[in-house]
Amino acid sequence: MIQPYVRFCMQDTVDRKWNVSRSIWDYELIYIAEGSMVVQCDGTQSIANVGDIVFLRPDVPHILSSGSEVTRQPHVHFDFFKDDLSAVIPVSLKNKCDMTDTEKTYFRRDDLVNLGMDFPTILHLYDPVPIRNILYRIIDEYRLNLPMRETFMSALMTEMLVSVQRSYAAAKTELRHEHIIAFDNVQRYILDNIDRNVTVAELAEFAYLSKYHFIRAFTEYFGTTPHKFITRLRTDRAKELIIYDSSLSLGDIAEKMNFDSVQTFSIWFKKNVGIAPSEYRENENSNFS
């Protein structure tokens, strides 16, 4: 069971362009309440928008910068487990190369994997409002410094982390359902247009996704790339025409499937099937005789 220790938290609003490069000693959770934030971490650059969570881990270099003229970003620094050093270690605003040898010992252990929590750097939530409200309660509690503040903040932090995990999981589940519907329609679109060479860009536009996100989501859903999927379906279609429609010449099939020439069709077919279409027809006819 986690026992979070809240080190520092505040409501932060910045009305100018800003940029910070650093490694932190603890965990930090940032909620984007207004504007947007550009996050460079683990070799990638992403944008966090209103309602997103930016989750930063110990000893992971990152660069944060404003993505809008005004950014409002309540945030909290914390440990998943309180220990003897929790109250001693401050908040880091330095790059690791600028830290003293003593400061380099401040990095907290990364417990995320052992906890089984799935927290990427940017989390898109199913319903961010309850998480935002809990974070504001933590900030109020930190600011007011009432009796048993630490215990109450720990309880609120536990509630918020569990809520973030559940909301993020729900958002991914909803996205998977959307992908099922979207890719069922994409597959139907490919089959409806199987006699022409449907492009990946065309399918991405049909699915209302960028080409990059379409390829990634399609590959995850079908287990193969869009190009290989289209090629397999078109190959099956070509085989079907060759075997079951003997009235069509190979030239007719090439024209029907929108190839420039029978030669182009033959080269494509042999590349994907292993033998020429004429040989394939001959072999299949002999099997039926």
Protein backbone atom coordinates (compact mmCIF):
# COMPACT_ATOMS: atom_id res chain seq x y z
CA MET A 1 0.00 0.00 0.00
CA ILE A 2 1.40 3.39 -0.95
CA GLN A 3 1.92 6.10 1.68
CA PRO A 4 2.62 9.27 -0.31
CA TYR A 5 4.58 12.13 1.14
CA VAL A 6 3.71 15.57 -0.28
CA ARG A 7 6.88 17.64 -0.48
CA PHE A 8 5.61 20.78 -2.15
CA CYS A 9 2.59 21.93 -4.15
CA MET A 10 1.21 25.14 -5.54
CA GLN A 11 -1.09 26.76 -8.07
CA ASP A 12 1.12 28.29 -10.74
CA THR A 13 -0.03 30.71 -13.46
CA VAL A 14 2.49 32.10 -15.95
CA ASP A 15 1.56 34.77 -18.50
CA ARG A 16 4.80 34.76 -20.49
CA LYS A 17 6.88 32.34 -22.56
CA TRP A 18 9.04 30.11 -20.37
CA ASN A 19 11.39 27.13 -20.60
CA VAL A 20 12.98 24.92 -17.94
CA SER A 21 15.51 22.10 -18.33
CA ARG A 22 16.15 19.88 -15.30
CA SER A 23 16.14 16.52 -13.56
CA ILE A 24 14.07 16.19 -10.40
CA TRP A 25 14.82 14.22 -7.25
CA ASP A 26 11.25 13.09 -6.64
CA TYR A 27 7.99 12.67 -8.57
CA GLU A 28 6.01 15.58 -9.91
CA LEU A 29 2.41 15.61 -11.11
CA ILE A 30 1.31 18.65 -13.13
CA TYR A 31 -2.30 19.29 -14.13
CA ILE A 32 -2.86 21.52 -17.17
CA ALA A 33 -5.72 23.78 -16.07
CA GLU A 34 -5.25 26.41 -18.78
CA GLY A 35 -3.16 26.69 -21.92
CA SER A 36 -0.72 23.98 -22.98
CA MET A 37 2.76 22.69 -22.18
CA VAL A 38 5.45 21.29 -24.47
CA VAL A 39 7.22 18.31 -22.86
CA GLN A 40 10.52 16.86 -24.10
CA CYS A 41 11.37 13.61 -22.33
CA ASP A 42 12.86 10.23 -23.24
CA GLY A 43 13.78 11.47 -26.71
CA THR A 44 10.26 12.54 -27.67
CA GLN A 45 8.37 15.83 -27.72
CA SER A 46 4.68 15.97 -26.87
CA ILE A 47 2.08 18.58 -26.03
CA ALA A 48 -0.09 18.43 -22.91
CA ASN A 49 -3.39 20.29 -23.22
CA VAL A 50 -6.13 21.30 -20.78
CA GLY A 51 -7.22 18.31 -18.71
CA ASP A 52 -4.00 16.37 -19.27
CA ILE A 53 -1.57 15.26 -16.59
CA VAL A 54 2.20 15.63 -16.97
CA PHE A 55 3.89 12.97 -14.85
CA LEU A 56 7.62 13.33 -14.19
CA ARG A 57 9.84 10.71 -12.57
CA PRO A 58 13.06 10.91 -10.53
CA ASP A 59 16.34 11.15 -12.44
CA VAL A 60 14.70 11.47 -15.87
CA PRO A 61 15.99 14.58 -17.69
CA HIS A 62 13.26 16.68 -19.28
CA ILE A 63 12.56 20.08 -20.79
CA LEU A 64 9.27 21.86 -20.14
CA SER A 65 8.16 24.95 -22.03
CA SER A 66 5.03 26.99 -22.55
CA GLY A 67 2.81 25.98 -25.43
CA SER A 68 0.58 29.05 -25.07
CA GLU A 69 0.71 32.66 -23.91
CA VAL A 70 -0.82 31.78 -20.53
CA THR A 71 -0.38 28.50 -18.67
CA ARG A 72 -2.08 27.57 -15.41
CA GLN A 73 -0.58 24.44 -13.93
CA PRO A 74 -1.27 23.34 -10.37
CA HIS A 75 1.36 20.77 -9.46
CA VAL A 76 2.66 18.65 -6.62
CA HIS A 77 6.07 17.13 -5.77
CA PHE A 78 5.83 13.90 -3.81
CA ASP A 79 7.25 10.49 -2.87
CA PHE A 80 5.18 7.32 -3.18
CA PHE A 81 6.53 6.18 0.19
CA LYS A 82 7.64 8.33 3.11
CA ASP A 83 11.03 7.52 4.60
CA ASP A 84 13.60 9.25 6.82
CA LEU A 85 14.83 11.45 3.97
CA SER A 86 11.45 12.56 2.65
CA ALA A 87 11.27 15.70 4.79
CA VAL A 88 14.94 16.56 4.15
CA ILE A 89 15.16 16.41 0.35
CA PRO A 90 14.11 19.67 -1.34
CA VAL A 91 12.67 20.29 -4.82
CA SER A 92 15.18 20.24 -7.65
CA LEU A 93 15.35 22.90 -10.36
CA LYS A 94 18.74 21.83 -11.74
CA ASN A 95 20.15 19.76 -14.55
CA LYS A 96 21.97 16.72 -13.24
CA CYS A 97 25.30 17.99 -14.61
CA ASP A 98 24.98 21.06 -12.35
CA MET A 99 24.33 19.09 -9.16
CA THR A 100 26.89 18.48 -6.45
CA ASP A 101 27.90 14.93 -5.58
CA THR A 102 25.71 15.16 -2.47
CA GLU A 103 22.72 16.37 -4.48
CA LYS A 104 23.08 13.43 -6.85
CA THR A 105 22.31 11.13 -3.92
CA TYR A 106 18.92 12.79 -3.44
CA PHE A 107 17.20 10.95 -6.31
CA ARG A 108 14.33 8.90 -4.94
CA ARG A 109 13.87 5.28 -5.92
CA ASP A 110 11.55 4.86 -8.89
CA ASP A 111 8.77 2.67 -7.47
CA LEU A 112 6.38 2.95 -10.38
CA VAL A 113 7.18 -0.40 -12.01
CA ASN A 114 6.94 -2.30 -8.72
CA LEU A 115 3.60 -0.64 -8.02
CA GLY A 116 2.17 -1.83 -11.34
CA MET A 117 1.10 1.69 -12.29
CA ASP A 118 0.94 2.66 -15.96
CA PHE A 119 1.95 6.31 -15.95
CA PRO A 120 3.48 7.66 -19.17
CA THR A 121 4.84 11.20 -19.25
CA ILE A 122 1.54 12.62 -20.52
CA LEU A 123 -1.77 11.10 -19.45
CA HIS A 124 -5.01 11.84 -21.28
CA LEU A 125 -7.79 11.27 -18.76
CA TYR A 126 -11.35 10.03 -19.19
CA ASP A 127 -12.71 12.59 -16.71
CA PRO A 128 -10.08 15.03 -15.40
CA VAL A 129 -12.39 17.18 -13.24
CA PRO A 130 -12.37 14.96 -10.10
CA ILE A 131 -8.56 14.72 -10.25
CA ARG A 132 -8.27 18.50 -10.63
CA ASN A 133 -10.53 19.01 -7.60
CA ILE A 134 -8.48 16.65 -5.41
CA LEU A 135 -5.28 18.42 -6.44
CA TYR A 136 -6.75 21.78 -5.45
CA ARG A 137 -7.70 20.32 -2.06
CA ILE A 138 -4.11 19.15 -1.58
CA ILE A 139 -2.82 22.62 -2.45
CA ASP A 140 -5.28 24.23 -0.01
CA GLU A 141 -4.25 21.83 2.74
CA TYR A 142 -0.56 22.50 2.10
CA ARG A 143 -1.14 26.28 2.19
CA LEU A 144 -3.34 26.37 5.31
CA ASN A 145 -0.97 24.23 7.41
CA LEU A 146 -3.72 22.87 9.66
CA PRO A 147 -3.20 20.13 12.31
CA MET A 148 -2.47 16.67 10.88
CA ARG A 149 -1.78 18.28 7.50
CA GLU A 150 0.73 15.64 6.44
CA THR A 151 -1.63 12.73 7.18
CA PHE A 152 -4.53 14.33 5.35
CA MET A 153 -2.41 15.26 2.32
CA SER A 154 -1.12 11.69 2.15
CA ALA A 155 -4.70 10.38 2.09
CA LEU A 156 -5.72 12.88 -0.60
CA MET A 157 -2.61 12.07 -2.64
CA THR A 158 -3.44 8.35 -2.49
CA GLU A 159 -6.99 9.08 -3.66
CA MET A 160 -5.71 11.24 -6.50
CA LEU A 161 -3.12 8.72 -7.74
CA VAL A 162 -5.71 5.92 -7.77
CA SER A 163 -8.17 8.22 -9.57
CA VAL A 164 -5.52 9.14 -12.17
CA GLN A 165 -4.75 5.47 -12.81
CA ARG A 166 -8.43 4.57 -13.21
CA SER A 167 -9.27 7.61 -15.36
CA TYR A 168 -6.29 6.97 -17.64
CA ALA A 169 -7.25 3.28 -17.99
CA ALA A 170 -10.86 4.28 -18.78
CA ALA A 171 -9.65 6.73 -21.43
CA LYS A 172 -7.56 3.99 -23.08
CA THR A 173 -10.52 1.58 -23.00
CA GLU A 174 -12.76 4.18 -24.62
CA LEU A 175 -10.09 4.77 -27.25
CA ARG A 176 -9.91 1.02 -27.96
CA HIS A 177 -13.69 0.93 -28.47
CA GLU A 178 -13.39 3.89 -30.85
CA HIS A 179 -10.62 2.06 -32.71
CA ILE A 180 -12.80 -1.05 -33.07
CA ILE A 181 -15.54 0.99 -34.72
CA ALA A 182 -13.11 3.06 -36.78
CA PHE A 183 -11.08 0.11 -38.05
CA ASP A 184 -14.14 -1.99 -38.83
CA ASN A 185 -15.17 0.89 -41.09
CA VAL A 186 -11.63 1.15 -42.50
CA GLN A 187 -11.60 -2.54 -43.38
CA ARG A 188 -14.99 -2.21 -45.06
CA TYR A 189 -13.69 0.80 -47.00
CA ILE A 190 -10.68 -1.19 -48.23
CA LEU A 191 -12.89 -4.08 -49.32
CA ASP A 192 -15.33 -1.74 -51.07
CA ASN A 193 -12.40 -0.26 -53.00
CA ILE A 194 -10.30 -3.40 -53.35
CA ASP A 195 -10.02 -3.07 -57.14
CA ARG A 196 -7.94 0.07 -56.83
CA ASN A 197 -4.79 0.87 -54.89
CA VAL A 198 -6.10 2.57 -51.75
CA THR A 199 -3.36 4.66 -50.12
CA VAL A 200 -2.48 4.86 -46.44
CA ALA A 201 -2.96 8.65 -46.53
CA GLU A 202 -6.47 8.14 -47.90
CA LEU A 203 -7.33 5.67 -45.12
CA ALA A 204 -5.93 7.99 -42.43
CA GLU A 205 -8.11 10.79 -43.74
CA PHE A 206 -11.11 8.44 -43.78
CA ALA A 207 -10.43 7.54 -40.11
CA TYR A 208 -9.92 11.22 -39.13
CA LEU A 209 -6.39 10.52 -37.89
CA SER A 210 -2.97 11.83 -38.82
CA LYS A 211 -1.01 9.44 -41.01
CA TYR A 212 1.47 8.77 -38.19
CA HIS A 213 -1.21 7.96 -35.58
CA PHE A 214 -3.24 5.96 -38.10
CA ILE A 215 -0.31 3.68 -38.96
CA ARG A 216 0.53 3.14 -35.29
CA ALA A 217 -3.08 2.47 -34.22
CA PHE A 218 -3.82 0.31 -37.30
CA THR A 219 -0.72 -1.83 -36.72
CA GLU A 220 -1.60 -2.28 -33.05
CA TYR A 221 -5.19 -3.25 -33.91
CA PHE A 222 -4.58 -5.59 -36.87
CA GLY A 223 -1.09 -6.83 -36.00
CA THR A 224 0.31 -5.74 -39.36
CA THR A 225 0.97 -2.51 -41.23
CA PRO A 226 -1.72 -0.91 -43.43
CA HIS A 227 0.40 -1.52 -46.55
CA LYS A 228 0.80 -5.24 -45.82
CA PHE A 229 -2.89 -5.54 -44.93
CA ILE A 230 -4.02 -3.88 -48.19
CA THR A 231 -1.56 -5.99 -50.20
CA ARG A 232 -2.87 -9.21 -48.64
CA LEU A 233 -6.50 -8.32 -49.41
CA ARG A 234 -5.66 -7.28 -52.98
CA THR A 235 -3.65 -10.46 -53.47
CA ASP A 236 -6.61 -12.54 -52.29
CA ARG A 237 -8.83 -10.60 -54.70
CA ALA A 238 -6.45 -11.23 -57.60
CA LYS A 239 -6.31 -14.95 -56.80
CA GLU A 240 -10.10 -15.05 -56.69
CA LEU A 241 -10.41 -13.46 -60.15
CA ILE A 242 -7.72 -15.72 -61.62
CA ILE A 243 -9.27 -18.93 -60.30
CA TYR A 244 -13.00 -18.36 -60.42
CA ASP A 245 -13.49 -16.08 -63.43
CA SER A 246 -11.90 -17.91 -66.35
CA SER A 247 -13.60 -15.53 -68.79
CA LEU A 248 -11.19 -12.80 -67.70
CA SER A 249 -7.76 -12.67 -69.28
CA LEU A 250 -4.81 -11.56 -67.17
CA GLY A 251 -4.98 -8.26 -69.04
CA ASP A 252 -8.63 -7.91 -68.02
CA ILE A 253 -7.75 -8.62 -64.39
CA ALA A 254 -4.86 -6.13 -64.49
CA GLU A 255 -7.21 -3.47 -65.85
CA LYS A 256 -9.96 -4.34 -63.37
CA MET A 257 -7.52 -3.97 -60.47
CA ASN A 258 -6.18 -0.66 -61.79
CA PHE A 259 -2.69 -1.77 -62.83
CA ASP A 260 -1.00 0.14 -65.64
CA SER A 261 -0.36 -3.02 -67.64
CA VAL A 262 -0.47 -6.78 -67.46
CA GLN A 263 3.31 -6.73 -67.02
CA THR A 264 3.05 -4.51 -63.94
CA PHE A 265 0.32 -6.76 -62.54
CA SER A 266 2.41 -9.90 -63.20
CA ILE A 267 5.47 -8.45 -61.46
CA TRP A 268 3.35 -7.39 -58.45
CA PHE A 269 1.60 -10.76 -58.25
CA LYS A 270 4.83 -12.77 -58.45
CA LYS A 271 6.44 -10.57 -55.78
CA ASN A 272 3.59 -11.27 -53.35
CA VAL A 273 2.59 -14.84 -54.26
CA GLY A 274 5.89 -16.29 -55.43
CA ILE A 275 4.80 -17.35 -58.92
CA ALA A 276 3.49 -15.56 -62.00
CA PRO A 277 -0.31 -15.20 -62.35
CA SER A 278 -0.32 -17.35 -65.51
CA GLU A 279 1.43 -20.16 -63.65
CA TYR A 280 -0.90 -19.73 -60.69
CA ARG A 281 -3.96 -20.08 -62.96
CA GLU A 282 -2.48 -23.14 -64.65
CA ASN A 283 -1.69 -24.82 -61.32
CA GLU A 284 -5.14 -24.12 -59.91
CA ASN A 285 -6.88 -25.31 -63.07
CA SER A 286 -4.93 -28.57 -62.96
CA ASN A 287 -5.99 -29.04 -59.34
CA PHE A 288 -9.66 -28.77 -60.36
CA SER A 289 -9.33 -31.08 -63.37
